[in-house]
Amino acid sequence: PTLKNITTENNGINISTTKGTHAKAVFEGEITAILKIPGLFNTVLVKHGDYFTVYSNLEEVFVSKGDVIKTGTELGVIHTNEEGKTEMHFEVWKGNEKQDPEAWLRRK
């Protein structure tokens, strides 16, 4: 809203939580990459057959590339910013097609 004529694209959802929360894998798979993305700290990519899940804004990562993981495996600690906001960015892809990530989340 502060920069006119500038748009951004969000390929997933942002999940707000509490400080110290661990990101958990939504399904079994293999860690295919761990990346550092400016502004999003650490990002973990998990391959699930034809699908990929992306977990961004992790302060600390507990897994390594090549690890085979189970549903619920703790991937890392979600970053809390200076204002106290703890938020993870989550995406789901099938090949090059973005998917609705909410369908992959476990309901409490």
Protein backbone atom coordinates (compact mmCIF):
# COMPACT_ATOMS: atom_id res chain seq x y z
CA PRO A 1 0.00 0.00 0.00
CA THR A 2 2.94 2.40 0.41
CA LEU A 3 4.44 1.83 -3.05
CA LYS A 4 2.00 2.64 -5.82
CA ASN A 5 2.13 0.51 -8.99
CA ILE A 6 4.23 -2.16 -7.23
CA THR A 7 2.75 -5.62 -6.85
CA THR A 8 4.10 -8.73 -5.21
CA GLU A 9 3.17 -12.35 -5.74
CA ASN A 10 2.81 -14.77 -2.87
CA ASN A 11 2.98 -18.36 -4.12
CA GLY A 12 1.88 -19.79 -0.79
CA ILE A 13 0.62 -18.77 2.61
CA ASN A 14 2.18 -17.12 5.64
CA ILE A 15 1.51 -18.88 8.92
CA SER A 16 1.73 -16.87 12.14
CA THR A 17 2.63 -18.69 15.32
CA THR A 18 4.42 -18.20 18.63
CA LYS A 19 8.12 -17.69 19.31
CA GLY A 20 10.13 -20.91 19.45
CA THR A 21 7.70 -22.92 17.30
CA HIS A 22 9.21 -25.68 15.16
CA ALA A 23 8.18 -26.14 11.52
CA LYS A 24 7.08 -29.72 10.85
CA ALA A 25 6.88 -31.63 7.58
CA VAL A 26 3.31 -32.02 6.32
CA PHE A 27 4.10 -35.35 4.62
CA GLU A 28 6.91 -37.88 4.29
CA GLY A 29 9.58 -37.16 1.72
CA GLU A 30 13.21 -36.28 1.06
CA ILE A 31 15.03 -33.02 1.79
CA THR A 32 16.17 -31.82 -1.64
CA ALA A 33 17.58 -28.41 -0.75
CA ILE A 34 18.32 -26.01 2.07
CA LEU A 35 18.70 -22.44 0.86
CA LYS A 36 19.38 -19.04 2.37
CA ILE A 37 17.08 -16.47 0.80
CA PRO A 38 17.53 -12.79 1.69
CA GLY A 39 14.64 -11.71 3.89
CA LEU A 40 13.43 -15.27 4.41
CA PHE A 41 16.39 -16.71 6.34
CA ASN A 42 16.60 -20.47 5.73
CA THR A 43 14.31 -22.31 3.32
CA VAL A 44 13.82 -26.09 3.26
CA LEU A 45 12.49 -27.91 0.16
CA VAL A 46 10.97 -31.36 0.60
CA LYS A 47 10.16 -33.67 -2.34
CA HIS A 48 7.07 -35.86 -2.01
CA GLY A 49 6.91 -37.84 -5.27
CA ASP A 50 5.63 -35.35 -7.88
CA TYR A 51 5.07 -32.67 -5.22
CA PHE A 52 7.36 -30.27 -3.35
CA THR A 53 6.72 -28.38 -0.13
CA VAL A 54 8.63 -25.22 0.74
CA TYR A 55 9.19 -23.96 4.30
CA SER A 56 10.72 -20.47 4.50
CA ASN A 57 11.76 -18.07 7.25
CA LEU A 58 13.46 -20.64 9.46
CA GLU A 59 15.92 -19.30 12.01
CA GLU A 60 17.57 -22.69 12.52
CA VAL A 61 17.39 -25.91 10.45
CA PHE A 62 17.45 -29.42 11.97
CA VAL A 63 17.64 -31.48 8.73
CA SER A 64 20.20 -31.93 5.96
CA LYS A 65 19.95 -32.35 2.20
CA GLY A 66 19.27 -36.00 1.36
CA ASP A 67 17.53 -36.82 4.66
CA VAL A 68 14.46 -39.03 4.27
CA ILE A 69 11.82 -37.74 6.65
CA LYS A 70 8.41 -38.74 7.99
CA THR A 71 5.24 -36.73 8.40
CA GLY A 72 5.71 -34.47 11.41
CA THR A 73 9.51 -34.41 11.32
CA GLU A 74 10.74 -31.15 12.86
CA LEU A 75 12.51 -29.16 10.14
CA GLY A 76 13.66 -26.12 12.11
CA VAL A 77 12.76 -23.14 14.30
CA ILE A 78 10.56 -20.46 12.74
CA HIS A 79 12.16 -17.00 12.82
CA THR A 80 10.85 -14.29 15.15
CA ASN A 81 11.55 -10.73 13.95
CA GLU A 82 12.51 -7.68 16.02
CA GLU A 83 8.83 -6.75 16.47
CA GLY A 84 8.12 -10.20 17.96
CA LYS A 85 6.29 -11.55 14.89
CA THR A 86 6.86 -15.27 14.26
CA GLU A 87 5.81 -16.29 10.76
CA MET A 88 6.64 -19.11 8.35
CA HIS A 89 6.06 -18.96 4.59
CA PHE A 90 4.71 -22.27 3.21
CA GLU A 91 4.23 -23.35 -0.42
CA VAL A 92 3.15 -26.53 -2.24
CA TRP A 93 4.06 -27.26 -5.87
CA LYS A 94 3.27 -30.06 -8.31
CA GLY A 95 6.03 -29.65 -10.86
CA ASN A 96 5.84 -25.99 -11.91
CA GLU A 97 2.21 -25.58 -10.82
CA LYS A 98 1.50 -23.98 -7.46
CA GLN A 99 -1.07 -25.77 -5.34
CA ASP A 100 -3.40 -24.71 -2.53
CA PRO A 101 -1.19 -25.21 0.54
CA GLU A 102 -4.09 -25.14 3.00
CA ALA A 103 -5.23 -28.57 1.77
CA TRP A 104 -1.92 -29.99 3.08
CA LEU A 105 -2.24 -28.62 6.60
CA ARG A 106 -3.38 -30.67 9.56
CA ARG A 107 -6.39 -29.24 11.36
CA LYS A 108 -6.22 -28.91 15.14
